[in-house]
Amino acid sequence: MKKDPPLTSLEKKAWKIFESIGYEVKFHTEEFDPANTVYAQYRIPKHGARWPWIADFALPKAKIVIEIDGEYWHPSIMATCKMDDEERDRHLRRLGWKVVRLPERLVDEQHIQQLLHMLFDV
């Protein structure tokens, strides 16, 4: 039996928030469910590479990636991490994905709801 990938405590918090506002959340699978499904640890193929990009959360039908930038992994002084993120974001945008980065301080129900309303022009 395949084990689900580990989530950070911040990703677990975001998962619960998505569920609390009416989204189904599940780990990446090859099959797609309705538009209100958010996939955690979603794999996006990287051309010419053996390993895919892994998005924290994705809504594949809408081609939206939501990255949760925790302060531990994304401090403003970590230039290497920032350059890697920027390269990855450019690649995903070239593939037609919208990429949204949500800093740790904004991972709450109000901000995630506002973000989704903005993305879907509700």
PDB file of N, CA and C in Angstrom:
ATOM      1  N   MET A   1       0.839  -1.186   0.000  1.00  0.00           N
ATOM      2  CA  MET A   1       0.000   0.000   0.000  1.00  0.00           C
ATOM      3  C   MET A   1       0.884   1.249   0.000  1.00  0.00           C
ATOM      4  N   LYS A   2       0.584   2.158  -0.907  1.00  0.00           N
ATOM      5  CA  LYS A   2       1.368   3.379  -1.030  1.00  0.00           C
ATOM      6  C   LYS A   2       1.028   4.342   0.101  1.00  0.00           C
ATOM      7  N   LYS A   3       2.071   4.926   0.660  1.00  0.00           N
ATOM      8  CA  LYS A   3       1.902   5.855   1.773  1.00  0.00           C
ATOM      9  C   LYS A   3       1.740   7.286   1.257  1.00  0.00           C
ATOM     10  N   ASP A   4       0.857   8.051   1.887  1.00  0.00           N
ATOM     11  CA  ASP A   4       0.703   9.455   1.516  1.00  0.00           C
ATOM     12  C   ASP A   4       1.956  10.226   1.890  1.00  0.00           C
ATOM     13  N   PRO A   5       2.327  11.233   1.083  1.00  0.00           N
ATOM     14  CA  PRO A   5       3.507  12.028   1.411  1.00  0.00           C
ATOM     15  C   PRO A   5       3.276  12.841   2.684  1.00  0.00           C
ATOM     16  N   PRO A   6       4.354  13.115   3.400  1.00  0.00           N
ATOM     17  CA  PRO A   6       4.200  13.906   4.627  1.00  0.00           C
ATOM     18  C   PRO A   6       3.873  15.360   4.315  1.00  0.00           C
ATOM     19  N   LEU A   7       3.119  15.965   5.201  1.00  0.00           N
ATOM     20  CA  LEU A   7       2.796  17.390   5.096  1.00  0.00           C
ATOM     21  C   LEU A   7       3.440  18.122   6.261  1.00  0.00           C
ATOM     22  N   THR A   8       3.782  19.375   6.030  1.00  0.00           N
ATOM     23  CA  THR A   8       4.259  20.200   7.135  1.00  0.00           C
ATOM     24  C   THR A   8       3.056  20.582   7.996  1.00  0.00           C
ATOM     25  N   SER A   9       3.311  21.078   9.183  1.00  0.00           N
ATOM     26  CA  SER A   9       2.197  21.500  10.045  1.00  0.00           C
ATOM     27  C   SER A   9       1.410  22.633   9.391  1.00  0.00           C
ATOM     28  N   LEU A  10       2.065  23.483   8.649  1.00  0.00           N
ATOM     29  CA  LEU A  10       1.399  24.583   7.949  1.00  0.00           C
ATOM     30  C   LEU A  10       0.517  24.056   6.804  1.00  0.00           C
ATOM     31  N   GLU A  11       0.992  23.052   6.084  1.00  0.00           N
ATOM     32  CA  GLU A  11       0.187  22.444   5.023  1.00  0.00           C
ATOM     33  C   GLU A  11      -1.024  21.726   5.615  1.00  0.00           C
ATOM     34  N   LYS A  12      -0.844  21.089   6.758  1.00  0.00           N
ATOM     35  CA  LYS A  12      -1.978  20.444   7.440  1.00  0.00           C
ATOM     36  C   LYS A  12      -3.028  21.484   7.838  1.00  0.00           C
ATOM     37  N   LYS A  13      -2.554  22.629   8.302  1.00  0.00           N
ATOM     38  CA  LYS A  13      -3.470  23.720   8.669  1.00  0.00           C
ATOM     39  C   LYS A  13      -4.243  24.189   7.443  1.00  0.00           C
ATOM     40  N   ALA A  14      -3.548  24.390   6.324  1.00  0.00           N
ATOM     41  CA  ALA A  14      -4.203  24.834   5.091  1.00  0.00           C
ATOM     42  C   ALA A  14      -5.213  23.783   4.622  1.00  0.00           C
ATOM     43  N   TRP A  15      -4.866  22.507   4.735  1.00  0.00           N
ATOM     44  CA  TRP A  15      -5.771  21.413   4.351  1.00  0.00           C
ATOM     45  C   TRP A  15      -7.089  21.546   5.114  1.00  0.00           C
ATOM     46  N   LYS A  16      -6.991  21.734   6.429  1.00  0.00           N
ATOM     47  CA  LYS A  16      -8.197  21.867   7.260  1.00  0.00           C
ATOM     48  C   LYS A  16      -9.015  23.092   6.869  1.00  0.00           C
ATOM     49  N   ILE A  17      -8.332  24.165   6.511  1.00  0.00           N
ATOM     50  CA  ILE A  17      -9.037  25.389   6.105  1.00  0.00           C
ATOM     51  C   ILE A  17      -9.779  25.152   4.784  1.00  0.00           C
ATOM     52  N   PHE A  18      -9.112  24.527   3.806  1.00  0.00           N
ATOM     53  CA  PHE A  18      -9.788  24.227   2.537  1.00  0.00           C
ATOM     54  C   PHE A  18     -11.056  23.421   2.801  1.00  0.00           C
ATOM     55  N   GLU A  19     -10.949  22.418   3.656  1.00  0.00           N
ATOM     56  CA  GLU A  19     -12.119  21.594   3.974  1.00  0.00           C
ATOM     57  C   GLU A  19     -13.210  22.409   4.672  1.00  0.00           C
ATOM     58  N   SER A  20     -12.817  23.286   5.577  1.00  0.00           N
ATOM     59  CA  SER A  20     -13.802  24.063   6.332  1.00  0.00           C
ATOM     60  C   SER A  20     -14.592  25.037   5.454  1.00  0.00           C
ATOM     61  N   ILE A  21     -14.029  25.410   4.299  1.00  0.00           N
ATOM     62  CA  ILE A  21     -14.744  26.330   3.408  1.00  0.00           C
ATOM     63  C   ILE A  21     -15.377  25.604   2.219  1.00  0.00           C
ATOM     64  N   GLY A  22     -15.449  24.280   2.313  1.00  0.00           N
ATOM     65  CA  GLY A  22     -16.232  23.523   1.346  1.00  0.00           C
ATOM     66  C   GLY A  22     -15.478  22.819   0.233  1.00  0.00           C
ATOM     67  N   TYR A  23     -14.176  22.750   0.317  1.00  0.00           N
ATOM     68  CA  TYR A  23     -13.404  22.034  -0.694  1.00  0.00           C
ATOM     69  C   TYR A  23     -13.065  20.634  -0.191  1.00  0.00           C
ATOM     70  N   GLU A  24     -13.080  19.679  -1.107  1.00  0.00           N
ATOM     71  CA  GLU A  24     -12.577  18.353  -0.776  1.00  0.00           C
ATOM     72  C   GLU A  24     -11.075  18.397  -1.015  1.00  0.00           C
ATOM     73  N   VAL A  25     -10.303  17.829  -0.108  1.00  0.00           N
ATOM     74  CA  VAL A  25      -8.853  17.826  -0.257  1.00  0.00           C
ATOM     75  C   VAL A  25      -8.390  16.378  -0.251  1.00  0.00           C
ATOM     76  N   LYS A  26      -7.518  16.054  -1.196  1.00  0.00           N
ATOM     77  CA  LYS A  26      -6.967  14.701  -1.244  1.00  0.00           C
ATOM     78  C   LYS A  26      -5.570  14.763  -1.838  1.00  0.00           C
ATOM     79  N   PHE A  27      -4.837  13.680  -1.657  1.00  0.00           N
ATOM     80  CA  PHE A  27      -3.514  13.621  -2.257  1.00  0.00           C
ATOM     81  C   PHE A  27      -3.644  13.356  -3.747  1.00  0.00           C
ATOM     82  N   HIS A  28      -2.640  13.749  -4.481  1.00  0.00           N
ATOM     83  CA  HIS A  28      -2.610  13.622  -5.934  1.00  0.00           C
ATOM     84  C   HIS A  28      -2.939  12.199  -6.374  1.00  0.00           C
ATOM     85  N   THR A  29      -3.793  12.114  -7.375  1.00  0.00           N
ATOM     86  CA  THR A  29      -4.082  10.855  -8.046  1.00  0.00           C
ATOM     87  C   THR A  29      -4.082  11.137  -9.536  1.00  0.00           C
ATOM     88  N   GLU A  30      -4.155  10.126 -10.327  1.00  0.00           N
ATOM     89  CA  GLU A  30      -4.174  10.320 -11.780  1.00  0.00           C
ATOM     90  C   GLU A  30      -5.551  10.740 -12.272  1.00  0.00           C
ATOM     91  N   GLU A  31      -6.575  10.477 -11.497  1.00  0.00           N
ATOM     92  CA  GLU A  31      -7.927  10.839 -11.914  1.00  0.00           C
ATOM     93  C   GLU A  31      -8.318  12.185 -11.315  1.00  0.00           C
ATOM     94  N   PHE A  32      -9.108  12.942 -12.053  1.00  0.00           N
ATOM     95  CA  PHE A  32      -9.528  14.244 -11.581  1.00  0.00           C
ATOM     96  C   PHE A  32     -10.964  14.197 -11.109  1.00  0.00           C
ATOM     97  N   ASP A  33     -11.222  14.901 -10.042  1.00  0.00           N
ATOM     98  CA  ASP A  33     -12.552  14.986  -9.468  1.00  0.00           C
ATOM     99  C   ASP A  33     -13.131  16.355  -9.778  1.00  0.00           C
ATOM    100  N   PRO A  34     -14.305  16.657  -9.232  1.00  0.00           N
ATOM    101  CA  PRO A  34     -14.941  17.946  -9.516  1.00  0.00           C
ATOM    102  C   PRO A  34     -14.045  19.149  -9.208  1.00  0.00           C
ATOM    103  N   ALA A  35     -14.457  20.272  -9.747  1.00  0.00           N
ATOM    104  CA  ALA A  35     -13.675  21.501  -9.633  1.00  0.00           C
ATOM    105  C   ALA A  35     -13.424  21.931  -8.200  1.00  0.00           C
ATOM    106  N   ASN A  36     -14.239  21.473  -7.261  1.00  0.00           N
ATOM    107  CA  ASN A  36     -14.030  21.906  -5.877  1.00  0.00           C
ATOM    108  C   ASN A  36     -13.089  20.970  -5.115  1.00  0.00           C
ATOM    109  N   THR A  37     -12.260  20.218  -5.852  1.00  0.00           N
ATOM    110  CA  THR A  37     -11.277  19.353  -5.218  1.00  0.00           C
ATOM    111  C   THR A  37      -9.914  20.025  -5.262  1.00  0.00           C
ATOM    112  N   VAL A  38      -9.255  20.067  -4.118  1.00  0.00           N
ATOM    113  CA  VAL A  38      -7.900  20.596  -4.003  1.00  0.00           C
ATOM    114  C   VAL A  38      -6.990  19.396  -3.780  1.00  0.00           C
ATOM    115  N   TYR A  39      -5.921  19.321  -4.537  1.00  0.00           N
ATOM    116  CA  TYR A  39      -4.973  18.224  -4.389  1.00  0.00           C
ATOM    117  C   TYR A  39      -3.738  18.699  -3.645  1.00  0.00           C
ATOM    118  N   ALA A  40      -3.351  17.940  -2.634  1.00  0.00           N
ATOM    119  CA  ALA A  40      -2.130  18.229  -1.879  1.00  0.00           C
ATOM    120  C   ALA A  40      -0.980  17.444  -2.497  1.00  0.00           C
ATOM    121  N   GLN A  41       0.211  18.043  -2.468  1.00  0.00           N
ATOM    122  CA  GLN A  41       1.411  17.406  -2.999  1.00  0.00           C
ATOM    123  C   GLN A  41       1.195  16.961  -4.444  1.00  0.00           C
ATOM    124  N   TYR A  42       0.656  17.883  -5.248  1.00  0.00           N
ATOM    125  CA  TYR A  42       0.300  17.589  -6.635  1.00  0.00           C
ATOM    126  C   TYR A  42       1.542  17.571  -7.522  1.00  0.00           C
ATOM    127  N   ARG A  43       1.707  16.494  -8.280  1.00  0.00           N
ATOM    128  CA  ARG A  43       2.878  16.326  -9.144  1.00  0.00           C
ATOM    129  C   ARG A  43       2.606  16.896 -10.536  1.00  0.00           C
ATOM    130  N   ILE A  44       3.499  17.798 -10.967  1.00  0.00           N
ATOM    131  CA  ILE A  44       3.407  18.391 -12.301  1.00  0.00           C
ATOM    132  C   ILE A  44       4.671  18.014 -13.055  1.00  0.00           C
ATOM    133  N   PRO A  45       4.546  17.310 -14.197  1.00  0.00           N
ATOM    134  CA  PRO A  45       5.735  16.859 -14.921  1.00  0.00           C
ATOM    135  C   PRO A  45       6.668  18.014 -15.292  1.00  0.00           C
ATOM    136  N   LYS A  46       7.951  17.751 -15.141  1.00  0.00           N
ATOM    137  CA  LYS A  46       8.987  18.722 -15.488  1.00  0.00           C
ATOM    138  C   LYS A  46       9.673  18.195 -16.752  1.00  0.00           C
ATOM    139  N   HIS A  47       9.533  18.908 -17.861  1.00  0.00           N
ATOM    140  CA  HIS A  47      10.066  18.455 -19.144  1.00  0.00           C
ATOM    141  C   HIS A  47      11.561  18.153 -19.042  1.00  0.00           C
ATOM    142  N   GLY A  48      11.924  16.968 -19.504  1.00  0.00           N
ATOM    143  CA  GLY A  48      13.329  16.594 -19.537  1.00  0.00           C
ATOM    144  C   GLY A  48      13.919  16.191 -18.203  1.00  0.00           C
ATOM    145  N   ALA A  49      13.109  16.111 -17.186  1.00  0.00           N
ATOM    146  CA  ALA A  49      13.625  15.757 -15.861  1.00  0.00           C
ATOM    147  C   ALA A  49      12.954  14.471 -15.379  1.00  0.00           C
ATOM    148  N   ARG A  50      13.660  13.766 -14.555  1.00  0.00           N
ATOM    149  CA  ARG A  50      13.131  12.519 -14.029  1.00  0.00           C
ATOM    150  C   ARG A  50      12.058  12.750 -12.977  1.00  0.00           C
ATOM    151  N   TRP A  51      12.230  13.799 -12.173  1.00  0.00           N
ATOM    152  CA  TRP A  51      11.306  14.063 -11.072  1.00  0.00           C
ATOM    153  C   TRP A  51      10.418  15.254 -11.385  1.00  0.00           C
ATOM    154  N   PRO A  52       9.151  15.187 -11.003  1.00  0.00           N
ATOM    155  CA  PRO A  52       8.226  16.303 -11.285  1.00  0.00           C
ATOM    156  C   PRO A  52       8.351  17.413 -10.254  1.00  0.00           C
ATOM    157  N   TRP A  53       7.735  18.555 -10.569  1.00  0.00           N
ATOM    158  CA  TRP A  53       7.544  19.594  -9.563  1.00  0.00           C
ATOM    159  C   TRP A  53       6.463  19.082  -8.620  1.00  0.00           C
ATOM    160  N   ILE A  54       6.566  19.394  -7.351  1.00  0.00           N
ATOM    161  CA  ILE A  54       5.529  19.026  -6.383  1.00  0.00           C
ATOM    162  C   ILE A  54       4.942  20.323  -5.844  1.00  0.00           C
ATOM    163  N   ALA A  55       3.662  20.542  -6.140  1.00  0.00           N
ATOM    164  CA  ALA A  55       2.978  21.735  -5.648  1.00  0.00           C
ATOM    165  C   ALA A  55       2.365  21.419  -4.298  1.00  0.00           C
ATOM    166  N   ASP A  56       2.430  22.370  -3.369  1.00  0.00           N
ATOM    167  CA  ASP A  56       1.806  22.153  -2.057  1.00  0.00           C
ATOM    168  C   ASP A  56       0.334  21.809  -2.243  1.00  0.00           C
ATOM    169  N   PHE A  57      -0.367  22.635  -3.013  1.00  0.00           N
ATOM    170  CA  PHE A  57      -1.787  22.406  -3.315  1.00  0.00           C
ATOM    171  C   PHE A  57      -2.046  22.821  -4.755  1.00  0.00           C
ATOM    172  N   ALA A  58      -2.982  22.136  -5.395  1.00  0.00           N
ATOM    173  CA  ALA A  58      -3.326  22.487  -6.780  1.00  0.00           C
ATOM    174  C   ALA A  58      -4.792  22.221  -7.037  1.00  0.00           C
ATOM    175  N   LEU A  59      -5.339  23.053  -7.897  1.00  0.00           N
ATOM    176  CA  LEU A  59      -6.673  22.843  -8.444  1.00  0.00           C
ATOM    177  C   LEU A  59      -6.442  22.617  -9.939  1.00  0.00           C
ATOM    178  N   PRO A  60      -6.229  21.362 -10.343  1.00  0.00           N
ATOM    179  CA  PRO A  60      -5.794  21.089 -11.713  1.00  0.00           C
ATOM    180  C   PRO A  60      -6.779  21.513 -12.799  1.00  0.00           C
ATOM    181  N   LYS A  61      -8.071  21.421 -12.554  1.00  0.00           N
ATOM    182  CA  LYS A  61      -9.033  21.817 -13.591  1.00  0.00           C
ATOM    183  C   LYS A  61      -8.909  23.305 -13.899  1.00  0.00           C
ATOM    184  N   ALA A  62      -8.571  24.097 -12.899  1.00  0.00           N
ATOM    185  CA  ALA A  62      -8.395  25.538 -13.085  1.00  0.00           C
ATOM    186  C   ALA A  62      -6.934  25.910 -13.342  1.00  0.00           C
ATOM    187  N   LYS A  63      -6.040  24.920 -13.289  1.00  0.00           N
ATOM    188  CA  LYS A  63      -4.592  25.121 -13.443  1.00  0.00           C
ATOM    189  C   LYS A  63      -4.073  26.187 -12.469  1.00  0.00           C
ATOM    190  N   ILE A  64      -4.393  25.979 -11.198  1.00  0.00           N
ATOM    191  CA  ILE A  64      -3.944  26.882 -10.140  1.00  0.00           C
ATOM    192  C   ILE A  64      -3.084  26.106  -9.158  1.00  0.00           C
ATOM    193  N   VAL A  65      -1.920  26.654  -8.847  1.00  0.00           N
ATOM    194  CA  VAL A  65      -1.026  26.108  -7.831  1.00  0.00           C
ATOM    195  C   VAL A  65      -1.005  27.083  -6.667  1.00  0.00           C
ATOM    196  N   ILE A  66      -1.172  26.560  -5.456  1.00  0.00           N
ATOM    197  CA  ILE A  66      -1.071  27.388  -4.252  1.00  0.00           C
ATOM    198  C   ILE A  66       0.084  26.855  -3.422  1.00  0.00           C
ATOM    199  N   GLU A  67       1.098  27.681  -3.270  1.00  0.00           N
ATOM    200  CA  GLU A  67       2.269  27.327  -2.477  1.00  0.00           C
ATOM    201  C   GLU A  67       2.171  27.998  -1.115  1.00  0.00           C
ATOM    202  N   ILE A  68       2.387  27.232  -0.081  1.00  0.00           N
ATOM    203  CA  ILE A  68       2.372  27.749   1.280  1.00  0.00           C
ATOM    204  C   ILE A  68       3.822  27.995   1.681  1.00  0.00           C
ATOM    205  N   ASP A  69       4.181  29.245   1.818  1.00  0.00           N
ATOM    206  CA  ASP A  69       5.567  29.608   2.128  1.00  0.00           C
ATOM    207  C   ASP A  69       5.744  29.826   3.623  1.00  0.00           C
ATOM    208  N   GLY A  70       6.166  28.767   4.294  1.00  0.00           N
ATOM    209  CA  GLY A  70       6.424  28.859   5.725  1.00  0.00           C
ATOM    210  C   GLY A  70       7.679  29.663   6.006  1.00  0.00           C
ATOM    211  N   GLU A  71       7.693  30.320   7.131  1.00  0.00           N
ATOM    212  CA  GLU A  71       8.840  31.159   7.482  1.00  0.00           C
ATOM    213  C   GLU A  71      10.110  30.347   7.699  1.00  0.00           C
ATOM    214  N   TYR A  72       9.982  29.088   8.055  1.00  0.00           N
ATOM    215  CA  TYR A  72      11.166  28.250   8.260  1.00  0.00           C
ATOM    216  C   TYR A  72      11.891  28.003   6.935  1.00  0.00           C
ATOM    217  N   TRP A  73      11.132  27.669   5.889  1.00  0.00           N
ATOM    218  CA  TRP A  73      11.728  27.337   4.603  1.00  0.00           C
ATOM    219  C   TRP A  73      11.892  28.535   3.679  1.00  0.00           C
ATOM    220  N   HIS A  74      11.175  29.617   3.922  1.00  0.00           N
ATOM    221  CA  HIS A  74      11.185  30.753   2.995  1.00  0.00           C
ATOM    222  C   HIS A  74      11.509  32.091   3.664  1.00  0.00           C
ATOM    223  N   PRO A  75      12.521  32.122   4.506  1.00  0.00           N
ATOM    224  CA  PRO A  75      12.858  33.436   5.084  1.00  0.00           C
ATOM    225  C   PRO A  75      13.409  34.351   3.991  1.00  0.00           C
ATOM    226  N   SER A  76      13.191  35.620   4.156  1.00  0.00           N
ATOM    227  CA  SER A  76      13.597  36.571   3.117  1.00  0.00           C
ATOM    228  C   SER A  76      15.103  36.572   2.875  1.00  0.00           C
ATOM    229  N   ILE A  77      15.887  36.090   3.834  1.00  0.00           N
ATOM    230  CA  ILE A  77      17.339  36.115   3.650  1.00  0.00           C
ATOM    231  C   ILE A  77      17.869  34.883   2.910  1.00  0.00           C
ATOM    232  N   MET A  78      17.031  33.896   2.643  1.00  0.00           N
ATOM    233  CA  MET A  78      17.482  32.684   1.947  1.00  0.00           C
ATOM    234  C   MET A  78      17.381  32.877   0.444  1.00  0.00           C
ATOM    235  N   ALA A  79      18.392  33.454  -0.154  1.00  0.00           N
ATOM    236  CA  ALA A  79      18.367  33.787  -1.584  1.00  0.00           C
ATOM    237  C   ALA A  79      18.258  32.547  -2.458  1.00  0.00           C
ATOM    238  N   THR A  80      18.910  31.462  -2.102  1.00  0.00           N
ATOM    239  CA  THR A  80      18.872  30.246  -2.917  1.00  0.00           C
ATOM    240  C   THR A  80      17.458  29.710  -3.018  1.00  0.00           C
ATOM    241  N   CYS A  81      16.762  29.658  -1.905  1.00  0.00           N
ATOM    242  CA  CYS A  81      15.379  29.171  -1.892  1.00  0.00           C
ATOM    243  C   CYS A  81      14.506  30.070  -2.768  1.00  0.00           C
ATOM    244  N   LYS A  82      14.700  31.373  -2.661  1.00  0.00           N
ATOM    245  CA  LYS A  82      13.904  32.321  -3.445  1.00  0.00           C
ATOM    246  C   LYS A  82      14.165  32.149  -4.937  1.00  0.00           C
ATOM    247  N   MET A  83      15.432  31.954  -5.321  1.00  0.00           N
ATOM    248  CA  MET A  83      15.754  31.755  -6.738  1.00  0.00           C
ATOM    249  C   MET A  83      15.136  30.452  -7.248  1.00  0.00           C
ATOM    250  N   ASP A  84      15.189  29.390  -6.461  1.00  0.00           N
ATOM    251  CA  ASP A  84      14.573  28.119  -6.853  1.00  0.00           C
ATOM    252  C   ASP A  84      13.069  28.296  -7.046  1.00  0.00           C
ATOM    253  N   ASP A  85      12.430  29.000  -6.106  1.00  0.00           N
ATOM    254  CA  ASP A  85      10.987  29.242  -6.204  1.00  0.00           C
ATOM    255  C   ASP A  85      10.653  30.033  -7.466  1.00  0.00           C
ATOM    256  N   GLU A  86      11.436  31.065  -7.757  1.00  0.00           N
ATOM    257  CA  GLU A  86      11.174  31.897  -8.928  1.00  0.00           C
ATOM    258  C   GLU A  86      11.334  31.106 -10.220  1.00  0.00           C
ATOM    259  N   GLU A  87      12.365  30.255 -10.290  1.00  0.00           N
ATOM    260  CA  GLU A  87      12.578  29.419 -11.475  1.00  0.00           C
ATOM    261  C   GLU A  87      11.395  28.462 -11.669  1.00  0.00           C
ATOM    262  N   ARG A  88      10.988  27.849 -10.596  1.00  0.00           N
ATOM    263  CA  ARG A  88       9.867  26.904 -10.639  1.00  0.00           C
ATOM    264  C   ARG A  88       8.576  27.607 -11.049  1.00  0.00           C
ATOM    265  N   ASP A  89       8.313  28.788 -10.456  1.00  0.00           N
ATOM    266  CA  ASP A  89       7.107  29.554 -10.796  1.00  0.00           C
ATOM    267  C   ASP A  89       7.087  29.924 -12.276  1.00  0.00           C
ATOM    268  N   ARG A  90       8.229  30.351 -12.824  1.00  0.00           N
ATOM    269  CA  ARG A  90       8.316  30.694 -14.250  1.00  0.00           C
ATOM    270  C   ARG A  90       7.989  29.465 -15.106  1.00  0.00           C
ATOM    271  N   HIS A  91       8.545  28.327 -14.725  1.00  0.00           N
ATOM    272  CA  HIS A  91       8.305  27.095 -15.466  1.00  0.00           C
ATOM    273  C   HIS A  91       6.815  26.743 -15.454  1.00  0.00           C
ATOM    274  N   LEU A  92       6.209  26.800 -14.285  1.00  0.00           N
ATOM    275  CA  LEU A  92       4.787  26.460 -14.174  1.00  0.00           C
ATOM    276  C   LEU A  92       3.918  27.434 -14.965  1.00  0.00           C
ATOM    277  N   ARG A  93       4.264  28.719 -14.930  1.00  0.00           N
ATOM    278  CA  ARG A  93       3.496  29.714 -15.695  1.00  0.00           C
ATOM    279  C   ARG A  93       3.612  29.458 -17.195  1.00  0.00           C
ATOM    280  N   ARG A  94       4.802  29.041 -17.650  1.00  0.00           N
ATOM    281  CA  ARG A  94       4.963  28.699 -19.078  1.00  0.00           C
ATOM    282  C   ARG A  94       4.067  27.521 -19.455  1.00  0.00           C
ATOM    283  N   LEU A  95       3.792  26.652 -18.499  1.00  0.00           N
ATOM    284  CA  LEU A  95       2.902  25.508 -18.742  1.00  0.00           C
ATOM    285  C   LEU A  95       1.428  25.896 -18.613  1.00  0.00           C
ATOM    286  N   GLY A  96       1.151  27.170 -18.316  1.00  0.00           N
ATOM    287  CA  GLY A  96      -0.220  27.644 -18.241  1.00  0.00           C
ATOM    288  C   GLY A  96      -0.836  27.642 -16.848  1.00  0.00           C
ATOM    289  N   TRP A  97      -0.031  27.416 -15.822  1.00  0.00           N
ATOM    290  CA  TRP A  97      -0.540  27.407 -14.449  1.00  0.00           C
ATOM    291  C   TRP A  97      -0.482  28.809 -13.849  1.00  0.00           C
ATOM    292  N   LYS A  98      -1.471  29.147 -13.026  1.00  0.00           N
ATOM    293  CA  LYS A  98      -1.398  30.341 -12.181  1.00  0.00           C
ATOM    294  C   LYS A  98      -0.718  29.883 -10.896  1.00  0.00           C
ATOM    295  N   VAL A  99       0.272  30.627 -10.453  1.00  0.00           N
ATOM    296  CA  VAL A  99       0.990  30.258  -9.236  1.00  0.00           C
ATOM    297  C   VAL A  99       0.783  31.352  -8.198  1.00  0.00           C
ATOM    298  N   VAL A 100       0.295  30.938  -7.041  1.00  0.00           N
ATOM    299  CA  VAL A 100       0.056  31.875  -5.952  1.00  0.00           C
ATOM    300  C   VAL A 100       0.865  31.409  -4.753  1.00  0.00           C
ATOM    301  N   ARG A 101       1.611  32.324  -4.175  1.00  0.00           N
ATOM    302  CA  ARG A 101       2.394  32.010  -2.975  1.00  0.00           C
ATOM    303  C   ARG A 101       1.735  32.693  -1.785  1.00  0.00           C
ATOM    304  N   LEU A 102       1.419  31.899  -0.793  1.00  0.00           N
ATOM    305  CA  LEU A 102       0.744  32.395   0.398  1.00  0.00           C
ATOM    306  C   LEU A 102       1.714  32.320   1.573  1.00  0.00           C
ATOM    307  N   PRO A 103       2.154  33.475   2.091  1.00  0.00           N
ATOM    308  CA  PRO A 103       3.070  33.444   3.228  1.00  0.00           C
ATOM    309  C   PRO A 103       2.379  32.918   4.489  1.00  0.00           C
ATOM    310  N   GLU A 104       3.171  32.359   5.362  1.00  0.00           N
ATOM    311  CA  GLU A 104       2.660  31.720   6.575  1.00  0.00           C
ATOM    312  C   GLU A 104       1.684  32.597   7.350  1.00  0.00           C
ATOM    313  N   ARG A 105       1.971  33.873   7.470  1.00  0.00           N
ATOM    314  CA  ARG A 105       1.122  34.758   8.273  1.00  0.00           C
ATOM    315  C   ARG A 105      -0.289  34.923   7.682  1.00  0.00           C
ATOM    316  N   LEU A 106      -0.476  34.527   6.407  1.00  0.00           N
ATOM    317  CA  LEU A 106      -1.784  34.654   5.763  1.00  0.00           C
ATOM    318  C   LEU A 106      -2.515  33.314   5.628  1.00  0.00           C
ATOM    319  N   VAL A 107      -1.990  32.274   6.256  1.00  0.00           N
ATOM    320  CA  VAL A 107      -2.654  30.965   6.176  1.00  0.00           C
ATOM    321  C   VAL A 107      -3.718  30.908   7.267  1.00  0.00           C
ATOM    322  N   ASP A 108      -4.876  31.468   6.924  1.00  0.00           N
ATOM    323  CA  ASP A 108      -6.046  31.410   7.803  1.00  0.00           C
ATOM    324  C   ASP A 108      -7.273  31.389   6.905  1.00  0.00           C
ATOM    325  N   GLU A 109      -8.405  31.089   7.487  1.00  0.00           N
ATOM    326  CA  GLU A 109      -9.626  30.910   6.692  1.00  0.00           C
ATOM    327  C   GLU A 109      -9.967  32.161   5.886  1.00  0.00           C
ATOM    328  N   GLN A 110      -9.877  33.317   6.499  1.00  0.00           N
ATOM    329  CA  GLN A 110     -10.247  34.556   5.820  1.00  0.00           C
ATOM    330  C   GLN A 110      -9.391  34.783   4.574  1.00  0.00           C
ATOM    331  N   HIS A 111      -8.079  34.652   4.694  1.00  0.00           N
ATOM    332  CA  HIS A 111      -7.199  34.937   3.559  1.00  0.00           C
ATOM    333  C   HIS A 111      -7.317  33.874   2.465  1.00  0.00           C
ATOM    334  N   ILE A 112      -7.474  32.620   2.838  1.00  0.00           N
ATOM    335  CA  ILE A 112      -7.619  31.577   1.823  1.00  0.00           C
ATOM    336  C   ILE A 112      -8.935  31.750   1.086  1.00  0.00           C
ATOM    337  N   GLN A 113     -10.000  32.084   1.799  1.00  0.00           N
ATOM    338  CA  GLN A 113     -11.286  32.331   1.148  1.00  0.00           C
ATOM    339  C   GLN A 113     -11.186  33.519   0.184  1.00  0.00           C
ATOM    340  N   GLN A 114     -10.554  34.599   0.626  1.00  0.00           N
ATOM    341  CA  GLN A 114     -10.380  35.770  -0.240  1.00  0.00           C
ATOM    342  C   GLN A 114      -9.564  35.417  -1.474  1.00  0.00           C
ATOM    343  N   LEU A 115      -8.531  34.638  -1.287  1.00  0.00           N
ATOM    344  CA  LEU A 115      -7.678  34.220  -2.398  1.00  0.00           C
ATOM    345  C   LEU A 115      -8.479  33.436  -3.427  1.00  0.00           C
ATOM    346  N   LEU A 116      -9.264  32.470  -2.975  1.00  0.00           N
ATOM    347  CA  LEU A 116     -10.054  31.658  -3.893  1.00  0.00           C
ATOM    348  C   LEU A 116     -11.124  32.485  -4.596  1.00  0.00           C
ATOM    349  N   HIS A 117     -11.743  33.410  -3.883  1.00  0.00           N
ATOM    350  CA  HIS A 117     -12.728  34.300  -4.515  1.00  0.00           C
ATOM    351  C   HIS A 117     -12.060  35.129  -5.599  1.00  0.00           C
ATOM    352  N   MET A 118     -10.874  35.641  -5.324  1.00  0.00           N
ATOM    353  CA  MET A 118     -10.149  36.444  -6.297  1.00  0.00           C
ATOM    354  C   MET A 118      -9.774  35.596  -7.521  1.00  0.00           C
ATOM    355  N   LEU A 119      -9.295  34.386  -7.297  1.00  0.00           N
ATOM    356  CA  LEU A 119      -8.874  33.523  -8.398  1.00  0.00           C
ATOM    357  C   LEU A 119     -10.028  33.090  -9.292  1.00  0.00           C
ATOM    358  N   PHE A 120     -11.178  32.901  -8.681  1.00  0.00           N
ATOM    359  CA  PHE A 120     -12.331  32.440  -9.440  1.00  0.00           C
ATOM    360  C   PHE A 120     -13.322  33.554  -9.752  1.00  0.00           C
ATOM    361  N   ASP A 121     -12.951  34.799  -9.436  1.00  0.00           N
ATOM    362  CA  ASP A 121     -13.798  35.966  -9.716  1.00  0.00           C
ATOM    363  C   ASP A 121     -15.232  35.763  -9.240  1.00  0.00           C
ATOM    364  N   VAL A 122     -15.361  35.238  -8.034  1.00  0.00           N
ATOM    365  CA  VAL A 122     -16.696  34.987  -7.460  1.00  0.00           C
ATOM    366  C   VAL A 122     -17.243  36.254  -6.855  1.00  0.00           C
TER     367      VAL A 122
END
